[in-house]
N, C-alpha and C. Protein backbone atom coordinates (compact mmCIF):
# COMPACT_ATOMS: atom_id res chain seq x y z
N MET A 1 -17.62 7.39 4.36
CA MET A 1 -16.17 7.51 4.38
C MET A 1 -15.56 6.18 4.82
N LEU A 2 -14.36 5.96 4.35
CA LEU A 2 -13.60 4.76 4.69
C LEU A 2 -12.37 5.18 5.48
N LEU A 3 -12.00 4.36 6.46
CA LEU A 3 -10.80 4.60 7.26
C LEU A 3 -9.87 3.42 7.06
N GLY A 4 -8.66 3.69 6.66
CA GLY A 4 -7.67 2.63 6.47
C GLY A 4 -6.49 2.82 7.39
N LEU A 5 -6.01 1.73 7.97
CA LEU A 5 -4.82 1.75 8.84
C LEU A 5 -3.84 0.70 8.36
N ASP A 6 -2.58 1.07 8.32
CA ASP A 6 -1.53 0.10 7.99
C ASP A 6 -0.44 0.21 9.03
N VAL A 7 -0.25 -0.86 9.80
CA VAL A 7 0.77 -0.90 10.84
C VAL A 7 1.99 -1.60 10.27
N GLY A 8 3.02 -0.82 10.01
CA GLY A 8 4.25 -1.38 9.46
C GLY A 8 5.32 -1.52 10.51
N GLY A 9 6.47 -1.97 10.10
CA GLY A 9 7.57 -2.16 11.03
C GLY A 9 8.15 -0.86 11.54
N THR A 10 8.03 0.22 10.76
CA THR A 10 8.58 1.51 11.14
C THR A 10 7.50 2.56 11.37
N PHE A 11 6.52 2.61 10.46
CA PHE A 11 5.47 3.62 10.56
C PHE A 11 4.08 3.00 10.56
N THR A 12 3.15 3.70 11.19
CA THR A 12 1.73 3.37 11.14
C THR A 12 1.07 4.49 10.35
N ASP A 13 0.40 4.11 9.27
CA ASP A 13 -0.26 5.07 8.39
C ASP A 13 -1.76 4.97 8.53
N ALA A 14 -2.43 6.11 8.43
CA ALA A 14 -3.89 6.15 8.46
C ALA A 14 -4.36 7.03 7.32
N VAL A 15 -5.51 6.70 6.77
CA VAL A 15 -6.07 7.46 5.66
C VAL A 15 -7.59 7.46 5.75
N ILE A 16 -8.19 8.57 5.36
CA ILE A 16 -9.65 8.64 5.22
C ILE A 16 -9.94 8.88 3.75
N ILE A 17 -10.85 8.08 3.23
CA ILE A 17 -11.28 8.20 1.84
C ILE A 17 -12.77 8.55 1.84
N ASP A 18 -13.11 9.59 1.11
CA ASP A 18 -14.50 10.02 0.97
C ASP A 18 -14.83 9.99 -0.51
N GLY A 19 -15.75 9.10 -0.87
CA GLY A 19 -16.01 8.89 -2.29
C GLY A 19 -14.80 8.22 -2.90
N HIS A 20 -14.20 8.87 -3.86
CA HIS A 20 -12.98 8.33 -4.49
C HIS A 20 -11.79 9.24 -4.22
N ARG A 21 -11.88 10.05 -3.16
CA ARG A 21 -10.82 11.00 -2.85
C ARG A 21 -10.21 10.73 -1.49
N VAL A 22 -8.90 10.81 -1.42
CA VAL A 22 -8.21 10.77 -0.13
C VAL A 22 -8.35 12.17 0.47
N VAL A 23 -9.00 12.25 1.64
CA VAL A 23 -9.25 13.57 2.23
C VAL A 23 -8.38 13.83 3.46
N ALA A 24 -7.75 12.81 4.02
CA ALA A 24 -6.87 13.02 5.17
C ALA A 24 -5.89 11.86 5.28
N THR A 25 -4.68 12.17 5.70
CA THR A 25 -3.66 11.14 5.92
C THR A 25 -2.89 11.47 7.19
N ALA A 26 -2.30 10.46 7.78
CA ALA A 26 -1.43 10.65 8.94
C ALA A 26 -0.39 9.55 8.96
N LYS A 27 0.79 9.88 9.43
CA LYS A 27 1.88 8.91 9.56
C LYS A 27 2.50 9.11 10.94
N ARG A 28 2.56 8.03 11.70
CA ARG A 28 3.18 8.08 13.03
C ARG A 28 4.11 6.89 13.17
N ARG A 29 5.08 7.01 14.06
CA ARG A 29 6.00 5.90 14.33
C ARG A 29 5.23 4.71 14.88
N THR A 30 5.57 3.52 14.43
CA THR A 30 5.02 2.30 15.01
C THR A 30 5.68 2.10 16.37
N THR A 31 4.86 1.90 17.37
CA THR A 31 5.38 1.69 18.73
C THR A 31 5.36 0.19 19.01
N LYS A 32 6.49 -0.44 18.75
CA LYS A 32 6.56 -1.90 18.80
C LYS A 32 6.30 -2.48 20.18
N ASP A 33 6.63 -1.74 21.23
CA ASP A 33 6.39 -2.26 22.57
C ASP A 33 4.91 -2.23 22.95
N ASN A 34 4.13 -1.38 22.29
CA ASN A 34 2.68 -1.33 22.49
C ASN A 34 2.07 -0.75 21.22
N LEU A 35 1.66 -1.62 20.31
CA LEU A 35 1.17 -1.19 19.00
C LEU A 35 0.00 -0.22 19.09
N MET A 36 -0.82 -0.35 20.13
CA MET A 36 -1.99 0.51 20.26
C MET A 36 -1.61 1.98 20.43
N ASN A 37 -0.44 2.27 20.98
CA ASN A 37 -0.02 3.67 21.11
C ASN A 37 0.15 4.32 19.74
N GLY A 38 0.88 3.68 18.86
CA GLY A 38 1.07 4.21 17.51
C GLY A 38 -0.21 4.26 16.71
N ILE A 39 -1.04 3.22 16.87
CA ILE A 39 -2.33 3.21 16.18
C ILE A 39 -3.20 4.36 16.68
N GLY A 40 -3.23 4.55 17.99
CA GLY A 40 -4.02 5.63 18.58
C GLY A 40 -3.57 7.00 18.11
N GLU A 41 -2.25 7.20 18.05
CA GLU A 41 -1.71 8.48 17.58
C GLU A 41 -2.08 8.73 16.12
N ALA A 42 -1.98 7.71 15.28
CA ALA A 42 -2.34 7.87 13.87
C ALA A 42 -3.84 8.14 13.72
N LEU A 43 -4.65 7.41 14.49
CA LEU A 43 -6.10 7.64 14.44
C LEU A 43 -6.45 9.05 14.90
N ASP A 44 -5.90 9.48 16.02
CA ASP A 44 -6.18 10.83 16.52
C ASP A 44 -5.84 11.88 15.46
N ALA A 45 -4.71 11.71 14.81
CA ALA A 45 -4.26 12.69 13.82
C ALA A 45 -5.15 12.70 12.58
N VAL A 46 -5.48 11.53 12.06
CA VAL A 46 -6.24 11.48 10.80
C VAL A 46 -7.70 11.87 11.01
N LEU A 47 -8.23 11.61 12.20
CA LEU A 47 -9.65 11.88 12.46
C LEU A 47 -9.91 13.31 12.93
N GLU A 48 -8.85 14.06 13.20
CA GLU A 48 -9.03 15.43 13.69
C GLU A 48 -9.88 16.25 12.70
N GLY A 49 -10.99 16.74 13.20
CA GLY A 49 -11.88 17.55 12.37
C GLY A 49 -12.92 16.76 11.59
N TYR A 50 -12.93 15.44 11.73
CA TYR A 50 -13.89 14.61 11.00
C TYR A 50 -14.89 13.99 11.96
N ASP A 51 -16.12 13.86 11.51
CA ASP A 51 -17.19 13.24 12.28
C ASP A 51 -17.08 11.73 12.13
N THR A 52 -16.71 11.03 13.20
CA THR A 52 -16.50 9.58 13.12
C THR A 52 -17.78 8.82 12.82
N SER A 53 -18.93 9.43 13.02
CA SER A 53 -20.19 8.72 12.70
C SER A 53 -20.35 8.54 11.19
N ASN A 54 -19.54 9.25 10.39
CA ASN A 54 -19.60 9.10 8.94
C ASN A 54 -18.70 7.97 8.42
N ILE A 55 -17.92 7.34 9.31
CA ILE A 55 -17.05 6.24 8.91
C ILE A 55 -17.91 5.00 8.70
N GLU A 56 -17.90 4.47 7.48
CA GLU A 56 -18.71 3.29 7.13
C GLU A 56 -17.94 2.00 7.24
N GLN A 57 -16.62 2.07 7.08
CA GLN A 57 -15.81 0.85 7.06
C GLN A 57 -14.41 1.18 7.55
N VAL A 58 -13.84 0.26 8.33
CA VAL A 58 -12.46 0.39 8.79
C VAL A 58 -11.69 -0.83 8.30
N THR A 59 -10.54 -0.58 7.70
CA THR A 59 -9.69 -1.67 7.22
C THR A 59 -8.33 -1.56 7.88
N LEU A 60 -7.84 -2.69 8.40
CA LEU A 60 -6.53 -2.73 9.05
C LEU A 60 -5.64 -3.72 8.31
N SER A 61 -4.45 -3.28 7.99
CA SER A 61 -3.46 -4.19 7.42
C SER A 61 -2.17 -4.02 8.20
N THR A 62 -1.34 -5.05 8.15
CA THR A 62 -0.09 -4.97 8.90
C THR A 62 0.96 -5.91 8.31
N THR A 63 2.20 -5.51 8.46
CA THR A 63 3.32 -6.40 8.12
C THR A 63 4.02 -6.88 9.38
N VAL A 64 3.49 -6.51 10.55
CA VAL A 64 4.12 -6.86 11.82
C VAL A 64 4.25 -8.38 11.96
N VAL A 65 3.19 -9.11 11.63
CA VAL A 65 3.23 -10.57 11.75
C VAL A 65 4.25 -11.16 10.79
N THR A 66 4.24 -10.69 9.55
CA THR A 66 5.20 -11.17 8.56
C THR A 66 6.63 -10.92 9.02
N ASN A 67 6.89 -9.71 9.51
CA ASN A 67 8.23 -9.37 9.99
C ASN A 67 8.64 -10.27 11.16
N THR A 68 7.72 -10.54 12.06
CA THR A 68 8.00 -11.39 13.21
C THR A 68 8.41 -12.79 12.77
N ILE A 69 7.69 -13.34 11.80
CA ILE A 69 8.00 -14.68 11.31
C ILE A 69 9.35 -14.70 10.59
N VAL A 70 9.58 -13.72 9.72
CA VAL A 70 10.84 -13.65 8.97
C VAL A 70 12.02 -13.50 9.92
N GLU A 71 11.83 -12.72 10.97
CA GLU A 71 12.90 -12.49 11.95
C GLU A 71 12.98 -13.60 12.99
N GLU A 72 12.11 -14.60 12.87
CA GLU A 72 12.05 -15.74 13.80
C GLU A 72 11.92 -15.29 15.25
N LYS A 73 11.01 -14.33 15.48
CA LYS A 73 10.77 -13.81 16.83
C LYS A 73 9.39 -14.20 17.35
N GLU A 74 8.73 -15.13 16.67
CA GLU A 74 7.38 -15.49 17.09
C GLU A 74 7.40 -16.26 18.40
N GLN A 75 6.30 -16.17 19.13
CA GLN A 75 6.14 -16.87 20.38
C GLN A 75 4.86 -17.69 20.32
N VAL A 76 4.72 -18.62 21.24
CA VAL A 76 3.50 -19.41 21.33
C VAL A 76 2.36 -18.49 21.71
N VAL A 77 1.24 -18.62 21.02
CA VAL A 77 0.06 -17.79 21.30
C VAL A 77 -1.18 -18.67 21.36
N ASP A 78 -2.22 -18.13 21.94
CA ASP A 78 -3.53 -18.79 21.94
C ASP A 78 -4.31 -18.29 20.74
N LEU A 79 -5.14 -19.15 20.19
CA LEU A 79 -6.03 -18.77 19.10
C LEU A 79 -7.45 -19.03 19.55
N TYR A 80 -8.23 -17.98 19.61
CA TYR A 80 -9.64 -18.11 19.98
C TYR A 80 -10.46 -17.77 18.75
N VAL A 81 -11.36 -18.65 18.38
CA VAL A 81 -12.23 -18.42 17.23
C VAL A 81 -13.65 -18.28 17.74
N VAL A 82 -14.22 -17.11 17.51
CA VAL A 82 -15.60 -16.86 17.91
C VAL A 82 -16.40 -16.76 16.63
N THR A 83 -17.31 -17.70 16.45
CA THR A 83 -18.08 -17.71 15.22
C THR A 83 -19.21 -16.70 15.30
N GLY A 84 -19.66 -16.30 14.16
CA GLY A 84 -20.78 -15.36 14.07
C GLY A 84 -21.46 -15.55 12.72
N PRO A 85 -22.33 -14.63 12.37
CA PRO A 85 -23.03 -14.75 11.09
C PRO A 85 -22.04 -14.86 9.93
N GLY A 86 -22.19 -15.86 9.13
CA GLY A 86 -21.34 -16.03 7.97
C GLY A 86 -20.01 -16.69 8.23
N ARG A 87 -19.74 -17.09 9.47
CA ARG A 87 -18.46 -17.72 9.78
C ARG A 87 -18.70 -18.99 10.56
N ASN A 88 -18.20 -20.09 10.04
CA ASN A 88 -18.37 -21.39 10.67
C ASN A 88 -16.99 -21.90 11.06
N VAL A 89 -16.82 -22.23 12.33
CA VAL A 89 -15.52 -22.69 12.81
C VAL A 89 -15.07 -23.96 12.08
N ASP A 90 -16.01 -24.72 11.55
CA ASP A 90 -15.66 -25.93 10.81
C ASP A 90 -14.93 -25.62 9.51
N ASP A 91 -15.05 -24.36 9.03
CA ASP A 91 -14.40 -23.96 7.79
C ASP A 91 -12.91 -23.64 7.98
N ILE A 92 -12.47 -23.54 9.22
CA ILE A 92 -11.09 -23.16 9.50
C ILE A 92 -10.24 -24.42 9.62
N ASN A 93 -9.13 -24.45 8.91
CA ASN A 93 -8.23 -25.59 8.96
C ASN A 93 -7.35 -25.46 10.19
N LEU A 94 -7.81 -26.02 11.30
CA LEU A 94 -7.07 -25.93 12.55
C LEU A 94 -5.80 -26.77 12.54
N TYR A 95 -5.64 -27.63 11.54
CA TYR A 95 -4.48 -28.49 11.51
C TYR A 95 -3.23 -27.76 11.05
N THR A 96 -3.37 -26.48 10.66
CA THR A 96 -2.18 -25.70 10.35
C THR A 96 -1.58 -25.14 11.64
N PHE A 97 -2.29 -25.32 12.76
CA PHE A 97 -1.83 -24.86 14.06
C PHE A 97 -1.58 -26.06 14.97
N LYS A 98 -0.75 -25.89 15.95
CA LYS A 98 -0.58 -26.92 16.97
C LYS A 98 -1.76 -26.76 17.95
N VAL A 99 -2.71 -27.67 17.88
CA VAL A 99 -3.92 -27.59 18.68
C VAL A 99 -3.67 -28.23 20.03
N ILE A 100 -3.83 -27.45 21.08
CA ILE A 100 -3.67 -27.96 22.44
C ILE A 100 -5.01 -28.46 22.95
N GLN A 101 -6.03 -27.66 22.79
CA GLN A 101 -7.34 -28.03 23.31
C GLN A 101 -8.41 -27.24 22.55
N ILE A 102 -9.49 -27.90 22.20
CA ILE A 102 -10.62 -27.24 21.58
C ILE A 102 -11.77 -27.26 22.57
N ILE A 103 -12.31 -26.09 22.85
CA ILE A 103 -13.43 -25.97 23.78
C ILE A 103 -14.62 -25.45 23.00
N GLU A 104 -15.72 -26.16 23.01
CA GLU A 104 -16.93 -25.70 22.33
C GLU A 104 -17.90 -25.19 23.37
N VAL A 105 -18.44 -24.02 23.11
CA VAL A 105 -19.39 -23.38 24.03
C VAL A 105 -20.61 -22.97 23.22
N SER A 106 -21.77 -23.27 23.74
CA SER A 106 -23.01 -22.81 23.11
C SER A 106 -23.54 -21.63 23.89
N LEU A 107 -23.91 -20.58 23.16
CA LEU A 107 -24.46 -19.39 23.82
C LEU A 107 -25.94 -19.28 23.54
C-alpha cells in the first residue's frame, strides 16, 4: 500500500492506495501554527482500520513553501544536508543559498 499526504494552505489531504485503487481518504484543516497537528489528524483518520505495516511508501507534497514565498513571509532558516546512500553533498548547488558556514563531519 502507498500513503500520500498533501499539505495545502487550507486543507491537508491523505490517501491510501492499494494496488491501483484508492481505498481510503481523509481531509483535515491545515494547522498553520503547527503543521504536525493537521498532518497527525489526517494520518489518524486515513489509517483508521488499516495495518500500517503494509505501507510500502509514503509521499509528502506541499504548497506551504510556495505560498510562503509568494506571500513574502519567508524567514531565514538553517539548511542541514545529511548525506546517505545515493546522495552526495557535492551534487547540491549550495550557491543558490546564502551560505553562512559549511561544517563537514565524518561518522
